[in-house]
Structure formats: C-alpha cells, structure tokens
Amino acid sequence: MKRRAQALILSLVALAAAGCADMRGIHPQAELTPPATLGLDTQASRFVPAEDWWTELGDAQLNRLIGTALAQNPNLRVAGARVAKARATEAAVAAALLPQVNGGLDLSRQAFSANYIYPPPLGGGMSNIGTLQLTGGWELDFFGKNAAAVRAAAGQSRATEAEADAARVLLAANVTRSYLQWARLEEQRALAERALTQRQQMLSLVQDRVKAGLDTQLEVRQNETGRADSRTQIAVVDQQIDATRNALAALLGLPRPPEGLVAPRLARFQPLAVPSQLHADWLGRRADIVAARWRVEAARGEVDVARAQFYPNINLAGFLGFQSLGFGNLLKGDSFQWSVGPAVRLPIFEGGRLRANLAGRSADVDAAVESYNATVIEAMREVADQAQAVQATARQQREQARALQAAEGAYDIARQRYGAGLGNFLNVLSAETSVLAQRRQHADLLAQALQGQVGVAQAMGGGWRPTPAEAAVPDAAPLAAATR
C-alpha cells in the first residue's frame, strides 16, 4: 500500500506541474468555407453517382480500353502502393494504443573483474549468465496523445485513398479524350481522302478543258498543287493518328496499341448530360476535395498530439522471467524474477520547444484549411468553365449546322444544274469543296463538344446520373448530323 501511495503522489505532482504548461494564444485561425457562401444550392441533391460515367457515351470498345487502363496503368499502381503504405502507417500508429510484449533469451559467458564489486569466487573468475524473460509496456493514453496520432494517421490514409480515386478519374478521362481525338482524326482523314479524290477529278476535268482550248497550263499547275496539298494533309493526319494511338497505348500501360482495335466514329457517340445547377453535396463527389478535407483532419490530429505533449507521459512497464549464473540453474524456480510499476515523464524546462511545435502544427491546420478552400474554389471554376464551354460549343454547332445545310443545298443545286446541262462540273466541285470544309468544321465541333462533356464529368468528380429536371443535355440536333 505504501508503494501505491507513493506512485499516486508522484502522479499528482506531475499533473500539478503539467498544469503550469502554457498553451495560451496558440490555436488555428483559418475556417472552412461553408458551401452557402460559394453560391451553391444547399438543398439535398438528387444526383446519383455513376463511377462508370464513360459508358454513357455508348462505345463498348472504349469501355474495354478504360477497364484495361484501370487494371494496368503503372501510375495508377503507384497510387495504389501509396494507399497500401498509408494504411500500414495507420496500423503502426494504432499499435501504440495497445500493450506491447516482447520475449528475450540472452546466454553469455563473462569474465568478472577481481577488483570490482563482485567478491571471489565470482570476482576474478568466469561464469555463464542466462536470462529468459518477457518484457512489457503500456503507455496509458490519459491525455489522448496516441488517439490523436491515430486520427492524424487515419486522415492521411483517407486522403491518400481519395487521391488514388482522383487518379482513376483522371486516367479514365484521359483515355476517353485520346479515344475521341482518334475518332476526330479518323473523320478528318476520311474527309481528306474525299478532298484528294475531288482534286483528282478536278485535274482530269481541267486537262480535258486544256485539250479543248478552254483552259491553260496555269489551271493545270494550280490543280496539281492542290492535289499535292491534299496528299500532304493525309500524311499529316496519318502521323497524328499514330501518335494518338501510341498515347492511348501508354495510358493502357502497354508498349503498343492492342491488336484488333476498330477506328471509332464520332457520329456514334451519345452525348453526356451536363448539370444545370451545382449542389452543396457535389463537393463531396470530387476526390481532390475529399483529400483536402482529410488533410485538414490529419492536421487537426497533429495539433492534438502537440497539445498532449505538454502533459505527463505515463507508462506501465514490467517484466517476468528467469535469470541465473550458470545455464543449468536458469529454469529453476528460485531463478524466477519479476517487476512492474509506472513510469512518469514530464517536460519541466524545454526552452519553448513545445510551444513552438504547437504553433507549427496550428499553422499546418491553417494551411490545410486554406488549401481546402482553394481546392473548392478551383473545382467550382473548372466546372463552370467546362459547362460554359459546352454551352458555347452547342451554340457554335447550331450555327455551323445551318452553314452546313446551306453548303449542302448549294452542292445539290450545282449537281442538278450540271445534270440539266446548265452548268459545268467545276461549279459542282467548287460547291463540294465548301461542303467538305463545313464537314471538317462539323467534325471538329462535334469532337470539341464531346471533349467538353468529358471535362465536365471529370470536374464533377467522375460522372453522375441526374434526373431530367436537374440535367441539361446538349442539343442533339447538331451532334447527330451525319457526315455524308
């Protein structure tokens, strides 16, 4: 009882001394920006998550490619390894909450000094020494230091997981972008082939007119130049297609594109829905925002760890086992020994180190909070920019659809006049040139619209399935115009 009373007195003295530790005036200053101040709708949203948002484009080959990328991309595997490391760190930190027990066996032969504290026959002789025992310790987390460290490690682990999710969203978006770019280039190549055919037809017609004395060699040379330009354009597009396919293969984690890929067609893609309004709960959909929020929680846990260091560190330590001179006596009953008792450690004079550490951790919270606020604002800007780009492209598509319709109408009239003997074939080819130019612009705008929709999906955190009342689907009329 006397020993217990002494231990209790020591603990009370330590607590009293710790009460003198000065933490006044040190605390985080920054605050998380509430969604309402950002102009977001705080009513419950009916957005339904759609992790496989790319399937809404309606291309089975794209779905397979993204599946391959998510399984094989090396950078994504690096992100997975970071998640595994963060989880292991969290588990290691959590181990401090539990008692620690270790076993040991030490066997040695030692020569003892004849001029030390050991009398003969031990002094001046040699003996075998054996120790077999269990040692244990338990840090009693009265002030929450270890629990706070676990919260901090858990925050870092959750943030790493969210960053891995963001990497998956980015990878799927990049594969989709490369695939759409490939489709655009294939469309441009088909139009370039048609332009080359037109140039060859025009050259043949001009050569016939030269023979008839209606044109000169100047017109022949001009058309030969145009034909060479068309061939050059085809070569340029072919090189761009190869580069795009190679980039796609790299995203898949492959050295070259897979065998059997079929060139995609722009006209076969279905448009993605674009949200008409941003909701507060959308903030929880974007992985980088989630990661930033967990970084805040991790930093707050580190502040609690720094505060707990102002208080005593109380450990319960002990051991039990056997110790003897001579290996033959090691396991005898009278070689048994044990010890148990508390150990209290208290910082008394540390030159302001603890206050400086707490101030630094508090500054880390401020930095994490402001980083979160900046991430939210930047995310909103990205969504707004992407949504506005989609709307602007839709307006351009409507105007371009009218221009394409007018060019095709002029082309039809030119063909009819030529068939009726009222015009020459040069007028037909000239009208077709305008049609081809409009179709190239149509393909570019269609690809631009789809790329913008992919950008919105990425900016929103990776897809959604809104109700009709909450979605604005881009005008499908210009998107569905067939390339003839």
Protein backbone atom coordinates (compact mmCIF):
# COMPACT_ATOMS: atom_id res chain seq x y z
CA MET A 1 0.00 0.00 0.00
CA LYS A 2 2.88 2.34 0.79
CA ARG A 3 4.34 1.91 -2.68
CA ARG A 4 1.00 2.56 -4.34
CA ALA A 5 0.56 5.71 -2.30
CA GLN A 6 3.99 6.94 -3.36
CA ALA A 7 3.18 6.29 -7.02
CA LEU A 8 -0.09 8.14 -6.68
CA ILE A 9 1.63 11.10 -5.04
CA LEU A 10 4.18 11.25 -7.82
CA SER A 11 1.41 11.21 -10.43
CA LEU A 12 -0.44 14.03 -8.68
CA VAL A 13 2.74 16.10 -8.51
CA ALA A 14 3.32 15.52 -12.21
CA LEU A 15 -0.22 16.57 -13.06
CA ALA A 16 0.10 19.70 -10.97
CA ALA A 17 3.35 20.61 -12.70
CA ALA A 18 1.78 19.99 -16.11
CA GLY A 19 -0.99 22.39 -15.24
CA CYS A 20 1.59 25.13 -15.33
CA ALA A 21 2.35 24.46 -19.03
CA ASP A 22 1.34 27.50 -21.04
CA MET A 23 -0.56 26.85 -24.30
CA ARG A 24 -2.46 30.13 -24.30
CA GLY A 25 -2.81 32.02 -27.57
CA ILE A 26 -1.82 29.11 -29.81
CA HIS A 27 -4.62 27.72 -31.95
CA PRO A 28 -5.56 27.55 -35.66
CA GLN A 29 -7.13 30.66 -37.18
CA ALA A 30 -8.47 29.58 -40.60
CA GLU A 31 -12.03 28.37 -41.14
CA LEU A 32 -13.56 26.10 -43.76
CA THR A 33 -15.63 27.99 -46.32
CA PRO A 34 -19.31 26.96 -45.99
CA PRO A 35 -21.00 25.92 -49.27
CA ALA A 36 -23.70 28.59 -48.97
CA THR A 37 -21.13 31.40 -49.23
CA LEU A 38 -19.95 29.92 -52.54
CA GLY A 39 -23.37 30.24 -54.10
CA LEU A 40 -24.09 26.51 -54.07
CA ASP A 41 -27.58 25.13 -53.63
CA THR A 42 -27.67 23.69 -50.11
CA GLN A 43 -30.83 21.67 -50.73
CA ALA A 44 -30.46 17.92 -50.98
CA SER A 45 -29.33 16.95 -54.45
CA ARG A 46 -30.73 14.01 -56.36
CA PHE A 47 -27.54 13.33 -58.29
CA VAL A 48 -26.88 9.61 -58.42
CA PRO A 49 -23.18 8.63 -58.59
CA ALA A 50 -22.06 6.97 -61.82
CA GLU A 51 -18.50 5.76 -61.42
CA ASP A 52 -18.56 4.27 -64.92
CA TRP A 53 -19.73 7.55 -66.46
CA TRP A 54 -17.92 6.87 -69.76
CA THR A 55 -20.37 4.07 -70.56
CA GLU A 56 -22.97 6.77 -71.24
CA LEU A 57 -21.06 7.52 -74.46
CA GLY A 58 -22.28 4.18 -75.77
CA ASP A 59 -19.00 2.74 -77.09
CA ALA A 60 -18.24 -0.83 -75.96
CA GLN A 61 -14.64 -0.69 -77.21
CA LEU A 62 -13.98 2.42 -75.13
CA ASN A 63 -15.40 0.64 -72.08
CA ARG A 64 -12.95 -2.23 -72.56
CA LEU A 65 -10.00 0.13 -73.03
CA ILE A 66 -10.76 2.04 -69.83
CA GLY A 67 -11.11 -1.25 -67.96
CA THR A 68 -7.66 -2.25 -69.19
CA ALA A 69 -6.19 1.12 -68.20
CA LEU A 70 -7.63 0.96 -64.68
CA ALA A 71 -6.13 -2.50 -64.26
CA GLN A 72 -2.70 -1.99 -65.86
CA ASN A 73 -1.65 1.68 -65.81
CA PRO A 74 1.68 1.92 -63.88
CA ASN A 75 0.94 5.35 -62.43
CA LEU A 76 -2.33 4.07 -61.02
CA ARG A 77 -0.47 1.15 -59.48
CA VAL A 78 1.91 3.63 -57.86
CA ALA A 79 -1.11 5.38 -56.34
CA GLY A 80 -2.32 2.01 -55.07
CA ALA A 81 1.07 1.35 -53.47
CA ARG A 82 0.89 4.73 -51.70
CA VAL A 83 -2.52 3.78 -50.33
CA ALA A 84 -1.12 0.50 -49.02
CA LYS A 85 1.78 2.33 -47.37
CA ALA A 86 -0.56 4.88 -45.76
CA ARG A 87 -2.74 2.10 -44.38
CA ALA A 88 0.32 0.33 -42.98
CA THR A 89 1.43 3.57 -41.30
CA GLU A 90 -2.01 3.98 -39.77
CA ALA A 91 -1.88 0.42 -38.40
CA ALA A 92 1.60 1.02 -36.96
CA VAL A 93 0.47 4.20 -35.19
CA ALA A 94 -2.65 2.47 -33.84
CA ALA A 95 -0.44 -0.19 -32.26
CA ALA A 96 0.67 2.37 -29.66
CA LEU A 97 -2.80 2.18 -28.08
CA LEU A 98 -2.24 -1.45 -27.09
CA PRO A 99 0.17 -3.09 -24.64
CA GLN A 100 3.49 -4.19 -26.09
CA VAL A 101 5.03 -7.51 -25.02
CA ASN A 102 8.42 -8.87 -26.10
CA GLY A 103 10.29 -12.05 -25.27
CA GLY A 104 14.04 -12.45 -24.97
CA LEU A 105 16.66 -15.08 -24.30
CA ASP A 106 20.23 -14.00 -23.53
CA LEU A 107 23.04 -16.52 -22.95
CA SER A 108 26.61 -15.34 -22.37
CA ARG A 109 29.92 -16.33 -20.75
CA GLN A 110 31.55 -13.50 -18.84
CA ALA A 111 34.87 -12.90 -17.07
CA PHE A 112 34.34 -10.83 -13.90
CA SER A 113 36.90 -8.36 -12.55
CA ALA A 114 38.70 -9.31 -9.34
CA ASN A 115 38.91 -5.60 -8.43
CA TYR A 116 35.24 -4.68 -8.72
CA ILE A 117 32.17 -5.14 -6.57
CA TYR A 118 31.94 -8.90 -7.03
CA PRO A 119 33.81 -10.95 -4.37
CA PRO A 120 35.51 -14.28 -5.09
CA PRO A 121 34.78 -16.81 -6.36
CA LEU A 122 32.67 -14.72 -8.80
CA GLY A 123 35.19 -11.91 -8.92
CA GLY A 124 38.27 -12.93 -10.83
CA GLY A 125 36.50 -15.92 -12.36
CA MET A 126 34.37 -16.79 -15.36
CA SER A 127 30.68 -17.73 -15.29
CA ASN A 128 27.80 -18.41 -17.59
CA ILE A 129 24.88 -15.97 -17.36
CA GLY A 130 21.40 -16.72 -18.67
CA THR A 131 18.27 -14.59 -18.86
CA LEU A 132 14.88 -15.73 -20.14
CA GLN A 133 12.05 -13.26 -19.67
CA LEU A 134 9.07 -11.38 -21.07
CA THR A 135 9.12 -7.59 -21.02
CA GLY A 136 6.06 -5.47 -21.49
CA GLY A 137 4.91 -1.89 -21.51
CA TRP A 138 1.72 0.06 -21.95
CA GLU A 139 1.57 3.78 -22.48
CA LEU A 140 -1.53 4.91 -20.63
CA ASP A 141 -3.06 7.45 -23.01
CA PHE A 142 -4.67 9.62 -20.31
CA PHE A 143 -4.32 12.81 -22.36
CA GLY A 144 -5.18 11.41 -25.80
CA LYS A 145 -1.79 11.76 -27.49
CA ASN A 146 -1.82 8.34 -29.10
CA ALA A 147 -5.50 8.56 -30.03
CA ALA A 148 -4.81 11.90 -31.72
CA ALA A 149 -1.86 10.38 -33.59
CA VAL A 150 -4.18 7.63 -34.83
CA ARG A 151 -6.68 10.24 -36.05
CA ALA A 152 -3.90 12.07 -37.85
CA ALA A 153 -2.63 8.89 -39.50
CA ALA A 154 -6.19 7.91 -40.46
CA GLY A 155 -6.68 11.32 -42.05
CA GLN A 156 -3.52 10.92 -44.09
CA SER A 157 -4.59 7.41 -45.12
CA ARG A 158 -8.07 8.55 -46.20
CA ALA A 159 -6.53 11.47 -48.10
CA THR A 160 -4.21 9.08 -49.94
CA GLU A 161 -7.17 6.89 -50.85
CA ALA A 162 -9.04 9.93 -52.19
CA GLU A 163 -6.00 10.93 -54.24
CA ALA A 164 -5.95 7.44 -55.74
CA ASP A 165 -9.62 7.90 -56.65
CA ALA A 166 -8.75 11.21 -58.30
CA ALA A 167 -6.02 9.44 -60.27
CA ARG A 168 -8.58 6.88 -61.51
CA VAL A 169 -10.95 9.64 -62.61
CA LEU A 170 -8.12 11.46 -64.40
CA LEU A 171 -6.97 8.27 -66.11
CA ALA A 172 -10.47 7.41 -67.36
CA ALA A 173 -10.91 10.97 -68.64
CA ASN A 174 -7.56 10.94 -70.43
CA VAL A 175 -8.29 7.60 -72.11
CA THR A 176 -11.65 8.97 -73.24
CA ARG A 177 -10.06 12.15 -74.56
CA SER A 178 -7.46 10.21 -76.54
CA TYR A 179 -10.17 7.93 -77.92
CA LEU A 180 -12.29 10.90 -79.01
CA GLN A 181 -9.25 12.54 -80.56
CA TRP A 182 -8.63 9.35 -82.53
CA ALA A 183 -12.24 9.42 -83.75
CA ARG A 184 -11.88 13.08 -84.80
CA LEU A 185 -8.70 12.36 -86.75
CA GLU A 186 -10.30 9.39 -88.49
CA GLU A 187 -13.12 11.68 -89.57
CA GLN A 188 -10.64 14.26 -90.81
CA ARG A 189 -8.76 11.60 -92.74
CA ALA A 190 -11.90 10.41 -94.49
CA LEU A 191 -12.65 14.00 -95.49
CA ALA A 192 -9.04 14.46 -96.66
CA GLU A 193 -9.38 11.34 -98.83
CA ARG A 194 -12.57 12.75 -100.31
CA ALA A 195 -10.80 16.07 -100.95
CA LEU A 196 -7.97 14.21 -102.76
CA THR A 197 -10.49 12.38 -104.93
CA GLN A 198 -12.12 15.70 -105.73
CA ARG A 199 -8.76 17.24 -106.65
CA GLN A 200 -8.00 14.35 -108.98
CA GLN A 201 -11.41 14.72 -110.64
CA MET A 202 -10.90 18.44 -110.97
CA LEU A 203 -7.42 17.93 -112.50
CA SER A 204 -8.81 15.50 -115.07
CA LEU A 205 -11.54 17.97 -115.96
CA VAL A 206 -9.05 20.84 -116.33
CA GLN A 207 -6.81 18.70 -118.53
CA ASP A 208 -9.79 17.96 -120.77
CA ARG A 209 -10.56 21.66 -120.94
CA VAL A 210 -6.94 22.41 -121.89
CA LYS A 211 -7.19 19.93 -124.74
CA ALA A 212 -10.38 21.70 -125.85
CA GLY A 213 -8.62 25.06 -125.69
CA LEU A 214 -10.80 26.31 -122.80
CA ASP A 215 -8.07 26.45 -120.11
CA THR A 216 -4.30 26.89 -119.91
CA GLN A 217 -1.43 25.12 -118.19
CA LEU A 218 -1.77 27.62 -115.33
CA GLU A 219 -5.01 25.98 -114.24
CA VAL A 220 -3.36 22.56 -114.55
CA ARG A 221 -0.45 23.56 -112.30
CA GLN A 222 -2.81 25.09 -109.74
CA ASN A 223 -4.82 21.89 -109.51
CA GLU A 224 -1.67 19.77 -109.30
CA THR A 225 -0.59 21.91 -106.33
CA GLY A 226 -3.95 21.37 -104.66
CA ARG A 227 -3.67 17.61 -105.17
CA ALA A 228 -0.21 17.57 -103.58
CA ASP A 229 -1.53 19.59 -100.66
CA SER A 230 -4.31 17.03 -100.12
CA ARG A 231 -1.78 14.18 -100.08
CA THR A 232 0.36 16.10 -97.59
CA GLN A 233 -2.68 16.63 -95.39
CA ILE A 234 -3.43 12.91 -95.41
CA ALA A 235 0.17 12.13 -94.39
CA VAL A 236 -0.05 14.66 -91.53
CA VAL A 237 -3.32 13.17 -90.28
CA ASP A 238 -1.89 9.64 -90.50
CA GLN A 239 1.03 10.68 -88.32
CA GLN A 240 -1.36 12.28 -85.81
CA ILE A 241 -3.45 9.11 -85.72
CA ASP A 242 -0.36 7.01 -84.99
CA ALA A 243 0.73 9.39 -82.23
CA THR A 244 -2.76 9.35 -80.69
CA ARG A 245 -2.91 5.56 -80.75
CA ASN A 246 0.54 5.38 -79.12
CA ALA A 247 -0.59 7.81 -76.41
CA LEU A 248 -3.67 5.68 -75.86
CA ALA A 249 -1.48 2.56 -75.53
CA ALA A 250 0.70 4.31 -72.93
CA LEU A 251 -2.39 5.16 -70.88
CA LEU A 252 -3.34 1.48 -71.02
CA GLY A 253 0.08 0.54 -69.69
CA LEU A 254 1.02 -1.16 -72.96
CA PRO A 255 4.04 -0.63 -75.26
CA ARG A 256 1.83 -0.55 -78.37
CA PRO A 257 -1.87 -0.37 -79.18
CA PRO A 258 -3.79 -3.64 -78.70
CA GLU A 259 -4.49 -5.73 -81.77
CA GLY A 260 -7.93 -5.65 -83.31
CA LEU A 261 -8.89 -2.08 -82.41
CA VAL A 262 -11.55 -0.63 -84.70
CA ALA A 263 -11.37 3.06 -85.54
CA PRO A 264 -14.18 4.86 -83.66
CA ARG A 265 -16.79 7.03 -85.35
CA LEU A 266 -17.74 10.40 -83.90
CA ALA A 267 -21.36 10.16 -85.02
CA ARG A 268 -21.89 7.01 -82.95
CA PHE A 269 -21.14 8.59 -79.56
CA GLN A 270 -24.04 9.55 -77.30
CA PRO A 271 -23.78 12.98 -75.62
CA LEU A 272 -23.18 13.17 -71.87
CA ALA A 273 -25.62 15.10 -69.69
CA VAL A 274 -24.43 18.44 -68.32
CA PRO A 275 -25.75 19.62 -64.91
CA SER A 276 -27.82 22.76 -64.88
CA GLN A 277 -27.09 23.61 -61.24
CA LEU A 278 -24.39 22.93 -58.67
CA HIS A 279 -25.36 21.49 -55.29
CA ALA A 280 -23.54 21.60 -51.97
CA ASP A 281 -23.33 17.83 -51.71
CA TRP A 282 -21.49 17.79 -55.04
CA LEU A 283 -18.44 18.99 -53.09
CA GLY A 284 -18.19 15.51 -51.61
CA ARG A 285 -18.10 13.89 -55.05
CA ARG A 286 -14.76 15.26 -56.19
CA ALA A 287 -11.83 13.25 -54.93
CA ASP A 288 -9.33 16.12 -54.60
CA ILE A 289 -11.81 17.98 -52.38
CA VAL A 290 -12.27 14.87 -50.25
CA ALA A 291 -8.49 14.50 -50.00
CA ALA A 292 -8.08 18.15 -48.97
CA ARG A 293 -10.75 17.71 -46.29
CA TRP A 294 -8.98 14.66 -44.87
CA ARG A 295 -5.70 16.62 -44.85
CA VAL A 296 -7.44 19.11 -42.58
CA GLU A 297 -8.50 16.33 -40.20
CA ALA A 298 -4.97 14.92 -40.21
CA ALA A 299 -3.51 18.33 -39.37
CA ARG A 300 -6.00 18.77 -36.54
CA GLY A 301 -4.96 15.41 -35.14
CA GLU A 302 -1.33 16.55 -35.17
CA VAL A 303 -2.35 19.65 -33.18
CA ASP A 304 -3.94 17.41 -30.54
CA VAL A 305 -0.73 15.37 -30.42
CA ALA A 306 1.28 18.57 -29.88
CA ARG A 307 -1.05 19.66 -27.07
CA ALA A 308 -0.82 16.29 -25.34
CA GLN A 309 2.96 16.62 -25.22
CA PHE A 310 2.52 19.35 -22.60
CA TYR A 311 1.15 16.73 -20.19
CA PRO A 312 2.86 13.82 -18.42
CA ASN A 313 3.70 10.67 -20.29
CA ILE A 314 2.68 7.75 -18.06
CA ASN A 315 3.81 4.21 -18.86
CA LEU A 316 3.16 0.94 -17.11
CA ALA A 317 6.22 -1.29 -17.53
CA GLY A 318 7.24 -4.65 -16.21
CA PHE A 319 8.98 -7.94 -16.85
CA LEU A 320 8.93 -11.52 -15.63
CA GLY A 321 11.22 -14.45 -16.30
CA PHE A 322 14.33 -16.26 -15.15
CA GLN A 323 17.92 -15.18 -14.58
CA SER A 324 20.84 -17.19 -13.23
CA LEU A 325 24.55 -17.74 -13.06
CA GLY A 326 25.12 -20.98 -14.86
CA PHE A 327 22.90 -22.23 -17.62
CA GLY A 328 21.82 -25.25 -15.57
CA ASN A 329 20.13 -23.01 -12.98
CA LEU A 330 18.20 -20.89 -15.49
CA LEU A 331 14.85 -22.68 -15.31
CA LYS A 332 14.89 -23.41 -11.55
CA GLY A 333 12.10 -21.90 -9.51
CA ASP A 334 14.36 -19.74 -7.37
CA SER A 335 15.73 -18.09 -10.57
CA PHE A 336 12.32 -16.53 -11.24
CA GLN A 337 12.11 -12.71 -11.11
CA TRP A 338 9.56 -10.04 -11.94
CA SER A 339 8.99 -6.31 -11.82
CA VAL A 340 6.03 -3.99 -12.50
CA GLY A 341 5.41 -0.32 -11.96
CA PRO A 342 4.56 3.05 -13.52
CA ALA A 343 6.99 5.41 -15.17
CA VAL A 344 6.14 9.11 -15.44
CA ARG A 345 7.93 11.53 -17.76
CA LEU A 346 7.20 15.25 -17.61
CA PRO A 347 8.78 18.14 -19.54
CA ILE A 348 9.85 20.73 -16.98
CA PHE A 349 12.15 23.05 -18.89
CA GLU A 350 12.34 22.64 -22.68
CA GLY A 351 13.17 26.18 -23.77
CA GLY A 352 9.86 26.80 -25.59
CA ARG A 353 10.16 23.73 -27.80
CA LEU A 354 6.64 22.50 -27.06
CA ARG A 355 5.06 25.91 -27.73
CA ALA A 356 6.97 26.19 -30.98
CA ASN A 357 5.87 22.71 -32.01
CA LEU A 358 2.23 23.50 -31.19
CA ALA A 359 2.44 26.77 -33.11
CA GLY A 360 3.86 24.93 -36.11
CA ARG A 361 1.14 22.30 -36.03
CA SER A 362 -1.52 25.01 -35.73
CA ALA A 363 -0.04 26.71 -38.79
CA ASP A 364 -0.28 23.37 -40.60
CA VAL A 365 -4.02 23.33 -39.88
CA ASP A 366 -4.38 26.86 -41.24
CA ALA A 367 -2.51 25.85 -44.38
CA ALA A 368 -4.62 22.70 -44.80
CA VAL A 369 -7.87 24.65 -44.33
CA GLU A 370 -6.90 27.33 -46.82
CA SER A 371 -5.71 24.65 -49.24
CA TYR A 372 -9.14 23.02 -48.93
CA ASN A 373 -10.86 26.36 -49.56
CA ALA A 374 -8.67 26.98 -52.60
CA THR A 375 -9.37 23.46 -53.90
CA VAL A 376 -13.13 24.02 -53.62
CA ILE A 377 -12.97 27.37 -55.41
CA GLU A 378 -10.72 25.99 -58.15
CA ALA A 379 -13.04 23.00 -58.59
CA MET A 380 -16.03 25.30 -58.97
CA ARG A 381 -14.14 27.36 -61.53
CA GLU A 382 -13.25 24.26 -63.52
CA VAL A 383 -16.85 23.06 -63.57
CA ALA A 384 -18.14 26.50 -64.53
CA ASP A 385 -15.55 26.86 -67.31
CA GLN A 386 -16.28 23.40 -68.68
CA ALA A 387 -20.04 23.86 -68.54
CA GLN A 388 -19.81 27.25 -70.25
CA ALA A 389 -17.51 25.76 -72.90
CA VAL A 390 -20.07 23.02 -73.59
CA GLN A 391 -22.84 25.60 -73.94
CA ALA A 392 -20.70 27.80 -76.20
CA THR A 393 -19.82 24.82 -78.38
CA ALA A 394 -23.50 23.89 -78.63
CA ARG A 395 -24.27 27.40 -79.90
CA GLN A 396 -21.45 27.13 -82.46
CA GLN A 397 -22.80 23.75 -83.55
CA ARG A 398 -26.26 25.20 -84.17
CA GLU A 399 -24.83 27.97 -86.34
CA GLN A 400 -22.47 25.60 -88.11
CA ALA A 401 -25.34 23.19 -88.79
CA ARG A 402 -27.09 25.98 -90.68
CA ALA A 403 -23.90 26.70 -92.65
CA LEU A 404 -23.50 23.00 -93.46
CA GLN A 405 -27.12 22.80 -94.56
CA ALA A 406 -26.63 25.83 -96.83
CA ALA A 407 -23.41 24.39 -98.34
CA GLU A 408 -25.12 21.04 -98.99
CA GLY A 409 -28.05 22.87 -100.57
CA ALA A 410 -25.70 24.73 -102.88
CA TYR A 411 -23.98 21.46 -103.71
CA ASP A 412 -27.31 19.82 -104.60
CA ILE A 413 -28.24 22.75 -106.83
CA ALA A 414 -24.85 22.62 -108.59
CA ARG A 415 -25.27 18.91 -109.29
CA GLN A 416 -28.81 19.40 -110.59
CA ARG A 417 -27.70 22.25 -112.89
CA TYR A 418 -24.82 20.13 -114.15
CA GLY A 419 -27.17 17.22 -114.79
CA ALA A 420 -29.51 19.51 -116.71
CA GLY A 421 -26.64 20.90 -118.82
CA LEU A 422 -26.97 24.37 -117.26
CA GLY A 423 -23.59 24.40 -115.50
CA ASN A 424 -20.14 22.87 -115.69
CA PHE A 425 -18.60 20.32 -113.39
CA LEU A 426 -16.16 22.86 -111.96
CA ASN A 427 -19.09 24.51 -110.23
CA VAL A 428 -20.04 21.11 -108.77
CA LEU A 429 -16.53 20.53 -107.46
CA SER A 430 -16.32 24.05 -106.04
CA ALA A 431 -19.60 23.55 -104.20
CA GLU A 432 -18.36 20.21 -102.89
CA THR A 433 -15.21 21.92 -101.60
CA SER A 434 -17.40 24.16 -99.44
CA VAL A 435 -19.30 21.11 -98.18
CA LEU A 436 -16.07 19.33 -97.24
CA ALA A 437 -14.83 22.41 -95.37
CA GLN A 438 -18.09 22.59 -93.42
CA ARG A 439 -17.96 18.88 -92.65
CA ARG A 440 -14.43 19.26 -91.30
CA GLN A 441 -15.63 22.03 -89.05
CA HIS A 442 -18.63 19.89 -88.07
CA ALA A 443 -16.31 17.03 -87.03
CA ASP A 444 -14.10 19.39 -85.04
CA LEU A 445 -17.07 20.92 -83.22
CA LEU A 446 -18.59 17.51 -82.51
CA ALA A 447 -15.31 16.30 -81.01
CA GLN A 448 -14.96 19.58 -79.11
CA ALA A 449 -18.47 19.16 -77.65
CA LEU A 450 -17.77 15.60 -76.53
CA GLN A 451 -14.41 16.61 -75.07
CA GLY A 452 -16.13 19.40 -73.15
CA GLN A 453 -18.68 16.97 -71.74
CA VAL A 454 -15.86 14.68 -70.63
CA GLY A 455 -14.23 17.70 -68.98
CA VAL A 456 -17.43 18.40 -67.04
CA ALA A 457 -17.63 14.76 -65.96
CA GLN A 458 -14.05 14.91 -64.69
CA ALA A 459 -14.55 18.27 -62.98
CA MET A 460 -17.66 16.95 -61.24
CA GLY A 461 -15.65 14.12 -59.73
CA GLY A 462 -16.30 11.34 -62.21
CA GLY A 463 -19.82 11.18 -63.53
CA TRP A 464 -23.42 11.33 -62.40
CA ARG A 465 -26.91 10.35 -63.46
CA PRO A 466 -29.12 13.38 -62.78
CA THR A 467 -32.88 13.44 -63.05
CA PRO A 468 -34.30 15.14 -66.17
CA ALA A 469 -35.22 18.20 -64.12
CA GLU A 470 -31.62 18.67 -62.97
CA ALA A 471 -29.82 17.95 -66.22
CA ALA A 472 -29.24 19.94 -69.35
CA VAL A 473 -28.32 17.64 -72.23
CA PRO A 474 -26.54 19.43 -75.10
CA ASP A 475 -28.67 20.00 -78.16
CA ALA A 476 -28.53 16.69 -80.02
CA ALA A 477 -29.54 18.08 -83.42
CA PRO A 478 -26.10 19.35 -84.47
CA LEU A 479 -24.43 16.42 -82.71
CA ALA A 480 -26.34 13.87 -84.76
CA ALA A 481 -25.78 15.43 -88.16
CA ALA A 482 -24.49 12.62 -90.36
CA THR A 483 -21.32 13.05 -92.37
CA ARG A 484 -22.07 12.17 -95.94
